[in-house]
Amino acid sequence: MRAAIFEEHGGPEVVHVAEVETPEPGSGEVRVSVHAAALNHLDLFVRRGLPIETRFPHIGGSDLAGTIDVIGPGVTESGVGRRVVVNPSISCGHCEWCTAGEDPLCPEYRIIGEHLPGGFAEFVVVPASNLLTVPDGFDLETAAAAPLTFLTAW
């Protein structure tokens, strides 16, 4: 698949389009065919080298929307073709922090596009539980612009 990647930190000049391996969903995951991805300040921070150590090559893009392409093992909901927006925040869901509603304090907390490959690619694999259906008549570009900005405002 094609993806916008970077293999070193820096400015926009380090980003280029390359062929990378198409990801396959594992247990509890789905593969999303990305239709729209928004550029967020987090993407700029990660590309510049903040706030974490990044594994290279890296695919950014925390804010994305598309359609479910492949369903992994253990996903009970049939949804191939369903229009979705991705919640980029991933946590374990059962530790003391998650059960208290403090997911960012979870020891397993990660963000798609920061700690994990993101949506600046043709496909991205995400937990099925991190999807919200995009209603008919609501465009995917608008849906992709909301996830991190909404969480920040909330």
C-alpha atoms as a PDB file:
ATOM      1  CA  MET A   1       0.000   0.000   0.000  1.00  0.00           C
ATOM      2  CA  ARG A   2       1.039   3.608  -0.382  1.00  0.00           C
ATOM      3  CA  ALA A   3       1.658   5.718   2.708  1.00  0.00           C
ATOM      4  CA  ALA A   4       3.125   9.090   3.613  1.00  0.00           C
ATOM      5  CA  ILE A   5       6.049   8.156   5.840  1.00  0.00           C
ATOM      6  CA  PHE A   6       9.077   9.704   7.458  1.00  0.00           C
ATOM      7  CA  GLU A   7      12.277   7.919   8.425  1.00  0.00           C
ATOM      8  CA  GLU A   8      13.881  10.718  10.413  1.00  0.00           C
ATOM      9  CA  HIS A   9      12.703  13.725  12.376  1.00  0.00           C
ATOM     10  CA  GLY A  10      12.548  17.115  10.714  1.00  0.00           C
ATOM     11  CA  GLY A  11      10.367  19.457   8.729  1.00  0.00           C
ATOM     12  CA  PRO A  12       7.943  18.675   5.913  1.00  0.00           C
ATOM     13  CA  GLU A  13      10.860  17.745   3.648  1.00  0.00           C
ATOM     14  CA  VAL A  14      11.346  14.415   5.512  1.00  0.00           C
ATOM     15  CA  VAL A  15       7.881  13.142   4.513  1.00  0.00           C
ATOM     16  CA  HIS A  16       7.577  11.108   1.331  1.00  0.00           C
ATOM     17  CA  VAL A  17       5.169   8.635  -0.224  1.00  0.00           C
ATOM     18  CA  ALA A  18       6.382   5.048  -0.226  1.00  0.00           C
ATOM     19  CA  GLU A  19       5.143   1.507  -0.671  1.00  0.00           C
ATOM     20  CA  VAL A  20       4.841  -0.267   2.687  1.00  0.00           C
ATOM     21  CA  GLU A  21       3.372  -3.581   3.784  1.00  0.00           C
ATOM     22  CA  THR A  22      -0.423  -3.614   3.975  1.00  0.00           C
ATOM     23  CA  PRO A  23      -1.401  -4.267   7.608  1.00  0.00           C
ATOM     24  CA  GLU A  24      -3.574  -7.229   8.558  1.00  0.00           C
ATOM     25  CA  PRO A  25      -5.977  -7.060  11.505  1.00  0.00           C
ATOM     26  CA  GLY A  26      -5.343  -9.208  14.550  1.00  0.00           C
ATOM     27  CA  SER A  27      -7.801 -10.381  17.170  1.00  0.00           C
ATOM     28  CA  GLY A  28     -10.407  -7.726  17.943  1.00  0.00           C
ATOM     29  CA  GLU A  29      -9.173  -5.448  15.162  1.00  0.00           C
ATOM     30  CA  VAL A  30     -10.415  -4.252  11.795  1.00  0.00           C
ATOM     31  CA  ARG A  31      -8.663  -2.802   8.786  1.00  0.00           C
ATOM     32  CA  VAL A  32     -10.035   0.538   7.646  1.00  0.00           C
ATOM     33  CA  SER A  33      -9.702   1.775   4.083  1.00  0.00           C
ATOM     34  CA  VAL A  34      -8.796   5.410   4.715  1.00  0.00           C
ATOM     35  CA  HIS A  35     -10.883   7.924   2.764  1.00  0.00           C
ATOM     36  CA  ALA A  36      -9.869  11.069   4.666  1.00  0.00           C
ATOM     37  CA  ALA A  37      -7.197  11.983   7.208  1.00  0.00           C
ATOM     38  CA  ALA A  38      -6.691  15.339   8.896  1.00  0.00           C
ATOM     39  CA  LEU A  39      -3.362  16.928   9.770  1.00  0.00           C
ATOM     40  CA  ASN A  40      -3.238  17.714  13.491  1.00  0.00           C
ATOM     41  CA  HIS A  41      -0.609  19.494  15.570  1.00  0.00           C
ATOM     42  CA  LEU A  42       0.233  16.109  17.101  1.00  0.00           C
ATOM     43  CA  ASP A  43       1.369  14.961  13.649  1.00  0.00           C
ATOM     44  CA  LEU A  44       3.730  17.929  13.440  1.00  0.00           C
ATOM     45  CA  PHE A  45       5.076  17.317  16.968  1.00  0.00           C
ATOM     46  CA  VAL A  46       5.779  13.632  16.248  1.00  0.00           C
ATOM     47  CA  ARG A  47       7.449  14.440  12.921  1.00  0.00           C
ATOM     48  CA  ARG A  48       9.688  16.958  14.720  1.00  0.00           C
ATOM     49  CA  GLY A  49      10.634  14.410  17.402  1.00  0.00           C
ATOM     50  CA  LEU A  50       8.278  15.328  20.227  1.00  0.00           C
ATOM     51  CA  PRO A  51       6.917  14.086  22.586  1.00  0.00           C
ATOM     52  CA  ILE A  52       8.067  10.456  22.225  1.00  0.00           C
ATOM     53  CA  GLU A  53      10.743   8.339  20.647  1.00  0.00           C
ATOM     54  CA  THR A  54       9.387   7.291  17.253  1.00  0.00           C
ATOM     55  CA  ARG A  55       9.990   3.981  15.487  1.00  0.00           C
ATOM     56  CA  PHE A  56      10.932   4.455  11.829  1.00  0.00           C
ATOM     57  CA  PRO A  57       9.592   4.390   9.238  1.00  0.00           C
ATOM     58  CA  HIS A  58       6.589   6.102  10.778  1.00  0.00           C
ATOM     59  CA  ILE A  59       3.100   6.710   9.382  1.00  0.00           C
ATOM     60  CA  GLY A  60       1.417   9.660  11.083  1.00  0.00           C
ATOM     61  CA  GLY A  61      -2.232  10.623  11.087  1.00  0.00           C
ATOM     62  CA  SER A  62      -4.355  10.359  14.217  1.00  0.00           C
ATOM     63  CA  ASP A  63      -7.552  11.806  12.763  1.00  0.00           C
ATOM     64  CA  LEU A  64      -9.099   9.600  10.085  1.00  0.00           C
ATOM     65  CA  ALA A  65     -12.303   8.232   8.619  1.00  0.00           C
ATOM     66  CA  GLY A  66     -13.070   5.578   6.030  1.00  0.00           C
ATOM     67  CA  THR A  67     -14.777   2.253   5.516  1.00  0.00           C
ATOM     68  CA  ILE A  68     -14.168  -1.111   7.142  1.00  0.00           C
ATOM     69  CA  ASP A  69     -12.253  -3.261   4.681  1.00  0.00           C
ATOM     70  CA  VAL A  70     -11.378  -6.450   6.615  1.00  0.00           C
ATOM     71  CA  ILE A  71     -12.571  -7.794   9.974  1.00  0.00           C
ATOM     72  CA  GLY A  72     -10.115  -9.644  12.214  1.00  0.00           C
ATOM     73  CA  PRO A  73     -10.707 -12.715  14.374  1.00  0.00           C
ATOM     74  CA  GLY A  74     -12.976 -12.198  17.358  1.00  0.00           C
ATOM     75  CA  VAL A  75     -14.856  -9.238  15.902  1.00  0.00           C
ATOM     76  CA  THR A  76     -18.491 -10.265  16.115  1.00  0.00           C
ATOM     77  CA  GLU A  77     -20.061  -7.287  14.398  1.00  0.00           C
ATOM     78  CA  SER A  78     -20.421  -7.635  10.654  1.00  0.00           C
ATOM     79  CA  GLY A  79     -19.431  -4.348   9.166  1.00  0.00           C
ATOM     80  CA  VAL A  80     -17.412  -4.585   5.964  1.00  0.00           C
ATOM     81  CA  GLY A  81     -18.196  -1.417   4.026  1.00  0.00           C
ATOM     82  CA  ARG A  82     -19.458   0.475   7.099  1.00  0.00           C
ATOM     83  CA  ARG A  83     -18.452   4.152   7.133  1.00  0.00           C
ATOM     84  CA  VAL A  84     -16.492   4.893  10.310  1.00  0.00           C
ATOM     85  CA  VAL A  85     -14.477   7.490  12.151  1.00  0.00           C
ATOM     86  CA  VAL A  86     -11.651   6.273  14.403  1.00  0.00           C
ATOM     87  CA  ASN A  87     -11.120   7.211  18.043  1.00  0.00           C
ATOM     88  CA  PRO A  88      -7.300   7.362  18.013  1.00  0.00           C
ATOM     89  CA  SER A  89      -6.883   6.804  21.780  1.00  0.00           C
ATOM     90  CA  ILE A  90      -6.207   3.199  22.772  1.00  0.00           C
ATOM     91  CA  SER A  91      -6.057   1.900  26.332  1.00  0.00           C
ATOM     92  CA  CYS A  92      -6.440  -1.477  28.052  1.00  0.00           C
ATOM     93  CA  GLY A  93      -9.983  -0.713  29.249  1.00  0.00           C
ATOM     94  CA  HIS A  94      -9.698  -2.595  32.534  1.00  0.00           C
ATOM     95  CA  CYS A  95      -6.926  -1.143  34.714  1.00  0.00           C
ATOM     96  CA  GLU A  96      -7.685   1.151  37.665  1.00  0.00           C
ATOM     97  CA  TRP A  97      -7.140   4.234  35.477  1.00  0.00           C
ATOM     98  CA  CYS A  98      -9.414   3.071  32.663  1.00  0.00           C
ATOM     99  CA  THR A  99     -12.212   2.065  35.024  1.00  0.00           C
ATOM    100  CA  ALA A 100     -11.939   5.493  36.666  1.00  0.00           C
ATOM    101  CA  GLY A 101     -12.304   7.231  33.286  1.00  0.00           C
ATOM    102  CA  GLU A 102      -8.649   8.345  33.237  1.00  0.00           C
ATOM    103  CA  ASP A 103      -7.568   6.427  30.116  1.00  0.00           C
ATOM    104  CA  PRO A 104      -4.480   8.609  29.378  1.00  0.00           C
ATOM    105  CA  LEU A 105      -2.963   7.388  32.668  1.00  0.00           C
ATOM    106  CA  CYS A 106      -3.296   3.737  31.600  1.00  0.00           C
ATOM    107  CA  PRO A 107       0.151   2.091  31.348  1.00  0.00           C
ATOM    108  CA  GLU A 108      -0.868   0.734  27.923  1.00  0.00           C
ATOM    109  CA  TYR A 109      -2.218   4.066  26.582  1.00  0.00           C
ATOM    110  CA  ARG A 110      -1.269   4.736  22.947  1.00  0.00           C
ATOM    111  CA  ILE A 111      -2.425   7.029  20.179  1.00  0.00           C
ATOM    112  CA  ILE A 112      -2.842   5.961  16.559  1.00  0.00           C
ATOM    113  CA  GLY A 113      -0.486   8.108  14.487  1.00  0.00           C
ATOM    114  CA  GLU A 114       1.784   8.796  17.466  1.00  0.00           C
ATOM    115  CA  HIS A 115       2.708   5.452  19.019  1.00  0.00           C
ATOM    116  CA  LEU A 116       1.124   3.287  16.302  1.00  0.00           C
ATOM    117  CA  PRO A 117       0.913   3.570  12.493  1.00  0.00           C
ATOM    118  CA  GLY A 118      -1.677   6.157  11.525  1.00  0.00           C
ATOM    119  CA  GLY A 119      -4.048   7.170   8.792  1.00  0.00           C
ATOM    120  CA  PHE A 120      -1.725   8.825   6.289  1.00  0.00           C
ATOM    121  CA  ALA A 121      -1.927   5.578   4.336  1.00  0.00           C
ATOM    122  CA  GLU A 122      -4.359   3.627   2.206  1.00  0.00           C
ATOM    123  CA  PHE A 123      -5.204   1.328   5.145  1.00  0.00           C
ATOM    124  CA  VAL A 124      -4.855   1.324   8.922  1.00  0.00           C
ATOM    125  CA  VAL A 125      -5.563  -1.383  11.503  1.00  0.00           C
ATOM    126  CA  VAL A 126      -7.444  -0.317  14.640  1.00  0.00           C
ATOM    127  CA  PRO A 127      -9.329  -1.968  17.505  1.00  0.00           C
ATOM    128  CA  ALA A 128     -12.958  -2.574  16.479  1.00  0.00           C
ATOM    129  CA  SER A 129     -14.010  -0.938  19.756  1.00  0.00           C
ATOM    130  CA  ASN A 130     -12.456   2.374  18.633  1.00  0.00           C
ATOM    131  CA  LEU A 131     -14.891   2.930  15.751  1.00  0.00           C
ATOM    132  CA  LEU A 132     -17.955   5.095  15.492  1.00  0.00           C
ATOM    133  CA  THR A 133     -20.350   4.840  12.561  1.00  0.00           C
ATOM    134  CA  VAL A 134     -20.523   7.909  10.324  1.00  0.00           C
ATOM    135  CA  PRO A 135     -24.171   8.542   9.422  1.00  0.00           C
ATOM    136  CA  ASP A 136     -25.254   8.638   5.783  1.00  0.00           C
ATOM    137  CA  GLY A 137     -25.208  12.212   4.520  1.00  0.00           C
ATOM    138  CA  PHE A 138     -22.260  13.179   6.753  1.00  0.00           C
ATOM    139  CA  ASP A 139     -19.089  13.428   4.707  1.00  0.00           C
ATOM    140  CA  LEU A 140     -15.988  11.488   5.729  1.00  0.00           C
ATOM    141  CA  GLU A 141     -13.743  14.554   5.399  1.00  0.00           C
ATOM    142  CA  THR A 142     -15.680  16.342   8.133  1.00  0.00           C
ATOM    143  CA  ALA A 143     -15.721  13.192  10.279  1.00  0.00           C
ATOM    144  CA  ALA A 144     -11.925  12.861   9.954  1.00  0.00           C
ATOM    145  CA  ALA A 145     -11.401  16.414  11.218  1.00  0.00           C
ATOM    146  CA  ALA A 146     -13.045  15.743  14.585  1.00  0.00           C
ATOM    147  CA  PRO A 147     -11.394  13.015  16.733  1.00  0.00           C
ATOM    148  CA  LEU A 148      -8.398  14.655  18.454  1.00  0.00           C
ATOM    149  CA  THR A 149      -9.788  18.178  18.298  1.00  0.00           C
ATOM    150  CA  PHE A 150     -13.001  16.947  19.900  1.00  0.00           C
ATOM    151  CA  LEU A 151     -11.092  15.118  22.670  1.00  0.00           C
ATOM    152  CA  THR A 152      -8.968  18.215  23.298  1.00  0.00           C
ATOM    153  CA  ALA A 153     -12.063  20.416  23.564  1.00  0.00           C
ATOM    154  CA  TRP A 154     -13.802  17.869  25.796  1.00  0.00           C
END
